[in-house]
Amino acid sequence: MKETKDEVIGILMKKMDPRRDEIFADIGCYTGKVSIEASKYFKKVYSVDIDKEAVKNVEKIKSENMEVFYMRGEDFLRKYNYDKVFIGGTKNYDQMLNVASKKAKKIIANVARLETASNIVKKMREVGIFEEMLLINISKSYELAGEIAFRTLNPIFMVIGSKRC
């Protein structure tokens, strides 16, 4: 697993359109980077992962308005209330979207594989929430023979769904 890049988190937060009175769920929180950034904008942040090490590490760095859960994403989504959801892990996204689409105002999933992104779009359409998909390509500079060159990072598909108000 790889962590969400800072630049992608910036785009994610803009697209998430956070409100100070809302609750954010970070499903598949891994390093906690998304949760930490979200905690600056949301009233409450839930960080959820099935990896014990990830949960232990996020517990150490969490901010005051964060709660960390060691449980499956779909179980968390059934049990708790939230306004906006970020899905960073792709296991069981079908079940997670079924549940979250009934409760969340906005759901964003980041994935690295085209087929997975396509399946998430299909599922979001099925539950009536698909809004758009972004393909995010980021290149970072490095020095090469005294000049600047760019190294491309893996592209990310950001699939966005929201309830039509």
C-alpha atoms as a PDB file:
ATOM      1  CA  MET A   1       0.000   0.000   0.000  1.00  0.00           C
ATOM      2  CA  LYS A   2       1.111   3.512  -0.705  1.00  0.00           C
ATOM      3  CA  GLU A   3       0.141   6.658   1.113  1.00  0.00           C
ATOM      4  CA  THR A   4      -1.960   9.393  -0.469  1.00  0.00           C
ATOM      5  CA  LYS A   5       0.312  12.111  -1.847  1.00  0.00           C
ATOM      6  CA  ASP A   6       0.011  15.619  -0.378  1.00  0.00           C
ATOM      7  CA  GLU A   7      -1.016  17.129  -3.724  1.00  0.00           C
ATOM      8  CA  VAL A   8      -3.798  14.554  -4.113  1.00  0.00           C
ATOM      9  CA  ILE A   9      -4.988  15.287  -0.557  1.00  0.00           C
ATOM     10  CA  GLY A  10      -5.237  18.967  -1.539  1.00  0.00           C
ATOM     11  CA  ILE A  11      -7.478  18.114  -4.494  1.00  0.00           C
ATOM     12  CA  LEU A  12      -9.458  15.684  -2.334  1.00  0.00           C
ATOM     13  CA  MET A  13     -10.200  18.338   0.295  1.00  0.00           C
ATOM     14  CA  LYS A  14     -11.283  20.848  -2.363  1.00  0.00           C
ATOM     15  CA  LYS A  15     -13.614  18.296  -3.963  1.00  0.00           C
ATOM     16  CA  MET A  16     -14.895  17.142  -0.567  1.00  0.00           C
ATOM     17  CA  ASP A  17     -16.063  20.727   0.119  1.00  0.00           C
ATOM     18  CA  PRO A  18     -15.769  20.409   3.917  1.00  0.00           C
ATOM     19  CA  ARG A  19     -18.062  22.207   6.349  1.00  0.00           C
ATOM     20  CA  ARG A  20     -17.098  22.838   9.969  1.00  0.00           C
ATOM     21  CA  ASP A  21     -20.259  21.151  11.288  1.00  0.00           C
ATOM     22  CA  GLU A  22     -19.790  17.912   9.317  1.00  0.00           C
ATOM     23  CA  ILE A  23     -18.424  14.474  10.159  1.00  0.00           C
ATOM     24  CA  PHE A  24     -15.830  12.884   7.869  1.00  0.00           C
ATOM     25  CA  ALA A  25     -15.053   9.163   7.609  1.00  0.00           C
ATOM     26  CA  ASP A  26     -11.671   8.054   6.243  1.00  0.00           C
ATOM     27  CA  ILE A  27     -12.075   4.404   5.271  1.00  0.00           C
ATOM     28  CA  GLY A  28      -8.754   2.644   4.802  1.00  0.00           C
ATOM     29  CA  CYS A  29      -6.898   5.408   6.652  1.00  0.00           C
ATOM     30  CA  TYR A  30      -3.506   3.636   6.427  1.00  0.00           C
ATOM     31  CA  THR A  31      -1.000   6.382   7.482  1.00  0.00           C
ATOM     32  CA  GLY A  32      -3.648   8.831   8.703  1.00  0.00           C
ATOM     33  CA  LYS A  33      -2.451  11.634   6.402  1.00  0.00           C
ATOM     34  CA  VAL A  34      -5.922  12.188   4.921  1.00  0.00           C
ATOM     35  CA  SER A  35      -7.531  12.094   8.386  1.00  0.00           C
ATOM     36  CA  ILE A  36      -5.047  14.601   9.813  1.00  0.00           C
ATOM     37  CA  GLU A  37      -5.699  17.032   6.950  1.00  0.00           C
ATOM     38  CA  ALA A  38      -9.470  16.509   7.193  1.00  0.00           C
ATOM     39  CA  SER A  39      -9.360  17.208  10.942  1.00  0.00           C
ATOM     40  CA  LYS A  40      -8.481  20.830  10.118  1.00  0.00           C
ATOM     41  CA  TYR A  41     -11.789  21.320   8.280  1.00  0.00           C
ATOM     42  CA  PHE A  42     -14.363  18.932   9.786  1.00  0.00           C
ATOM     43  CA  LYS A  43     -15.973  18.866  13.229  1.00  0.00           C
ATOM     44  CA  LYS A  44     -15.214  15.161  13.663  1.00  0.00           C
ATOM     45  CA  VAL A  45     -13.039  12.682  11.758  1.00  0.00           C
ATOM     46  CA  TYR A  46     -13.323   8.906  11.953  1.00  0.00           C
ATOM     47  CA  SER A  47     -10.212   6.985  10.802  1.00  0.00           C
ATOM     48  CA  VAL A  48     -10.995   3.375   9.958  1.00  0.00           C
ATOM     49  CA  ASP A  49      -8.694   0.519   8.955  1.00  0.00           C
ATOM     50  CA  ILE A  50      -8.468  -3.276   9.157  1.00  0.00           C
ATOM     51  CA  ASP A  51      -4.686  -3.147   9.527  1.00  0.00           C
ATOM     52  CA  LYS A  52      -3.750  -3.259  13.241  1.00  0.00           C
ATOM     53  CA  GLU A  53      -0.402  -1.539  12.630  1.00  0.00           C
ATOM     54  CA  ALA A  54      -2.062   1.291  10.708  1.00  0.00           C
ATOM     55  CA  VAL A  55      -4.589   1.825  13.500  1.00  0.00           C
ATOM     56  CA  LYS A  56      -1.832   1.790  16.126  1.00  0.00           C
ATOM     57  CA  ASN A  57       0.198   4.352  14.168  1.00  0.00           C
ATOM     58  CA  VAL A  58      -2.762   6.679  13.554  1.00  0.00           C
ATOM     59  CA  GLU A  59      -3.627   6.510  17.283  1.00  0.00           C
ATOM     60  CA  LYS A  60      -0.186   8.011  17.993  1.00  0.00           C
ATOM     61  CA  ILE A  61      -0.590  10.989  15.638  1.00  0.00           C
ATOM     62  CA  LYS A  62      -4.321  11.691  15.785  1.00  0.00           C
ATOM     63  CA  SER A  63      -5.636  15.150  16.524  1.00  0.00           C
ATOM     64  CA  GLU A  64      -8.247  16.001  19.166  1.00  0.00           C
ATOM     65  CA  ASN A  65     -11.260  15.697  16.882  1.00  0.00           C
ATOM     66  CA  MET A  66     -10.263  12.265  15.517  1.00  0.00           C
ATOM     67  CA  GLU A  67     -11.405   8.784  16.554  1.00  0.00           C
ATOM     68  CA  VAL A  68      -9.635   5.686  15.253  1.00  0.00           C
ATOM     69  CA  PHE A  69     -11.393   2.368  14.604  1.00  0.00           C
ATOM     70  CA  TYR A  70      -9.996  -1.090  13.948  1.00  0.00           C
ATOM     71  CA  MET A  71     -12.804  -2.560  11.855  1.00  0.00           C
ATOM     72  CA  ARG A  72     -13.971  -3.263   8.323  1.00  0.00           C
ATOM     73  CA  GLY A  73     -15.116  -0.238   6.370  1.00  0.00           C
ATOM     74  CA  GLU A  74     -18.550  -1.627   5.530  1.00  0.00           C
ATOM     75  CA  ASP A  75     -19.187  -2.489   9.205  1.00  0.00           C
ATOM     76  CA  PHE A  76     -18.202   1.010  10.284  1.00  0.00           C
ATOM     77  CA  LEU A  77     -20.380   2.608   7.589  1.00  0.00           C
ATOM     78  CA  ARG A  78     -23.413   0.606   8.747  1.00  0.00           C
ATOM     79  CA  LYS A  79     -22.928   1.392  12.442  1.00  0.00           C
ATOM     80  CA  TYR A  80     -21.925   5.078  12.562  1.00  0.00           C
ATOM     81  CA  ASN A  81     -23.195   8.419  11.279  1.00  0.00           C
ATOM     82  CA  TYR A  82     -21.164  10.660   8.977  1.00  0.00           C
ATOM     83  CA  ASP A  83     -21.657  13.309   6.303  1.00  0.00           C
ATOM     84  CA  LYS A  84     -18.759  12.708   3.934  1.00  0.00           C
ATOM     85  CA  VAL A  85     -16.716   9.603   3.172  1.00  0.00           C
ATOM     86  CA  PHE A  86     -13.297   9.000   1.649  1.00  0.00           C
ATOM     87  CA  ILE A  87     -12.556   5.450   0.537  1.00  0.00           C
ATOM     88  CA  GLY A  88      -8.819   4.922   0.289  1.00  0.00           C
ATOM     89  CA  GLY A  89      -8.858   1.130   0.319  1.00  0.00           C
ATOM     90  CA  THR A  90     -10.558  -0.812  -2.453  1.00  0.00           C
ATOM     91  CA  LYS A  91     -11.626  -3.964  -0.623  1.00  0.00           C
ATOM     92  CA  ASN A  92     -15.413  -4.395  -0.549  1.00  0.00           C
ATOM     93  CA  TYR A  93     -16.092  -1.008  -2.159  1.00  0.00           C
ATOM     94  CA  ASP A  94     -19.311  -2.452  -3.614  1.00  0.00           C
ATOM     95  CA  GLN A  95     -20.770  -3.070  -0.143  1.00  0.00           C
ATOM     96  CA  MET A  96     -19.364   0.195   1.207  1.00  0.00           C
ATOM     97  CA  LEU A  97     -21.000   2.205  -1.586  1.00  0.00           C
ATOM     98  CA  ASN A  98     -24.341   0.442  -1.020  1.00  0.00           C
ATOM     99  CA  VAL A  99     -24.334   1.530   2.623  1.00  0.00           C
ATOM    100  CA  ALA A 100     -22.641   4.942   2.398  1.00  0.00           C
ATOM    101  CA  SER A 101     -24.763   6.117  -0.552  1.00  0.00           C
ATOM    102  CA  LYS A 102     -27.828   6.027   1.714  1.00  0.00           C
ATOM    103  CA  LYS A 103     -26.214   8.113   4.476  1.00  0.00           C
ATOM    104  CA  ALA A 104     -23.438  10.335   3.077  1.00  0.00           C
ATOM    105  CA  LYS A 105     -23.773  13.639   1.240  1.00  0.00           C
ATOM    106  CA  LYS A 106     -20.518  12.988  -0.625  1.00  0.00           C
ATOM    107  CA  ILE A 107     -18.301   9.969  -1.246  1.00  0.00           C
ATOM    108  CA  ILE A 108     -14.886  10.054  -2.884  1.00  0.00           C
ATOM    109  CA  ALA A 109     -12.813   6.984  -3.737  1.00  0.00           C
ATOM    110  CA  ASN A 110      -9.165   7.125  -4.812  1.00  0.00           C
ATOM    111  CA  VAL A 111      -7.831   4.165  -6.772  1.00  0.00           C
ATOM    112  CA  ALA A 112      -4.757   3.392  -8.842  1.00  0.00           C
ATOM    113  CA  ARG A 113      -6.252   0.843 -11.247  1.00  0.00           C
ATOM    114  CA  LEU A 114      -8.447   1.720 -14.233  1.00  0.00           C
ATOM    115  CA  GLU A 115     -10.683  -1.342 -13.933  1.00  0.00           C
ATOM    116  CA  THR A 116     -11.377  -0.645 -10.273  1.00  0.00           C
ATOM    117  CA  ALA A 117     -12.177   3.007 -11.053  1.00  0.00           C
ATOM    118  CA  SER A 118     -14.523   1.868 -13.820  1.00  0.00           C
ATOM    119  CA  ASN A 119     -16.290  -0.547 -11.462  1.00  0.00           C
ATOM    120  CA  ILE A 120     -16.695   2.179  -8.840  1.00  0.00           C
ATOM    121  CA  VAL A 121     -18.187   4.531 -11.457  1.00  0.00           C
ATOM    122  CA  LYS A 122     -20.601   1.760 -12.473  1.00  0.00           C
ATOM    123  CA  LYS A 123     -21.601   1.148  -8.840  1.00  0.00           C
ATOM    124  CA  MET A 124     -22.011   4.883  -8.119  1.00  0.00           C
ATOM    125  CA  ARG A 125     -24.266   5.166 -11.174  1.00  0.00           C
ATOM    126  CA  GLU A 126     -26.259   2.157  -9.984  1.00  0.00           C
ATOM    127  CA  VAL A 127     -26.922   3.801  -6.597  1.00  0.00           C
ATOM    128  CA  GLY A 128     -27.553   7.194  -8.237  1.00  0.00           C
ATOM    129  CA  ILE A 129     -24.670   9.264  -6.889  1.00  0.00           C
ATOM    130  CA  PHE A 130     -21.998   9.433  -9.616  1.00  0.00           C
ATOM    131  CA  GLU A 131     -20.804  13.012 -10.187  1.00  0.00           C
ATOM    132  CA  GLU A 132     -17.417  12.860 -11.919  1.00  0.00           C
ATOM    133  CA  MET A 133     -14.072  11.090 -12.180  1.00  0.00           C
ATOM    134  CA  LEU A 134     -10.689  12.804 -12.245  1.00  0.00           C
ATOM    135  CA  LEU A 135      -7.425  11.372 -13.501  1.00  0.00           C
ATOM    136  CA  ILE A 136      -4.722  13.042 -11.436  1.00  0.00           C
ATOM    137  CA  ASN A 137      -1.178  13.051 -12.789  1.00  0.00           C
ATOM    138  CA  ILE A 138       1.528  14.656 -10.683  1.00  0.00           C
ATOM    139  CA  SER A 139       5.176  15.102 -11.548  1.00  0.00           C
ATOM    140  CA  LYS A 140       7.803  16.281  -9.077  1.00  0.00           C
ATOM    141  CA  SER A 141      10.997  18.043  -9.958  1.00  0.00           C
ATOM    142  CA  TYR A 142      14.483  16.733  -9.270  1.00  0.00           C
ATOM    143  CA  GLU A 143      17.949  17.825 -10.249  1.00  0.00           C
ATOM    144  CA  LEU A 144      19.520  16.139 -13.256  1.00  0.00           C
ATOM    145  CA  ALA A 145      22.971  17.209 -14.430  1.00  0.00           C
ATOM    146  CA  GLY A 146      22.537  20.598 -12.750  1.00  0.00           C
ATOM    147  CA  GLU A 147      19.139  21.259 -14.343  1.00  0.00           C
ATOM    148  CA  ILE A 148      15.541  20.504 -13.455  1.00  0.00           C
ATOM    149  CA  ALA A 149      13.791  17.391 -14.722  1.00  0.00           C
ATOM    150  CA  PHE A 150      10.490  15.820 -13.636  1.00  0.00           C
ATOM    151  CA  ARG A 151       9.654  12.405 -12.262  1.00  0.00           C
ATOM    152  CA  THR A 152       6.058  11.289 -12.746  1.00  0.00           C
ATOM    153  CA  LEU A 153       4.188   9.715  -9.833  1.00  0.00           C
ATOM    154  CA  ASN A 154       1.608   6.987 -10.413  1.00  0.00           C
ATOM    155  CA  PRO A 155      -1.655   8.496 -11.678  1.00  0.00           C
ATOM    156  CA  ILE A 156      -4.687   8.341  -9.385  1.00  0.00           C
ATOM    157  CA  PHE A 157      -8.334   8.008 -10.347  1.00  0.00           C
ATOM    158  CA  MET A 158     -10.545  10.071  -8.043  1.00  0.00           C
ATOM    159  CA  VAL A 159     -14.176   8.960  -8.337  1.00  0.00           C
ATOM    160  CA  ILE A 160     -16.661  11.413  -6.854  1.00  0.00           C
ATOM    161  CA  GLY A 161     -20.263  10.773  -5.919  1.00  0.00           C
ATOM    162  CA  SER A 162     -22.793  12.963  -4.170  1.00  0.00           C
ATOM    163  CA  LYS A 163     -26.466  13.146  -3.367  1.00  0.00           C
ATOM    164  CA  ARG A 164     -28.351  15.560  -5.541  1.00  0.00           C
ATOM    165  CA  CYS A 165     -30.001  18.096  -3.237  1.00  0.00           C
END
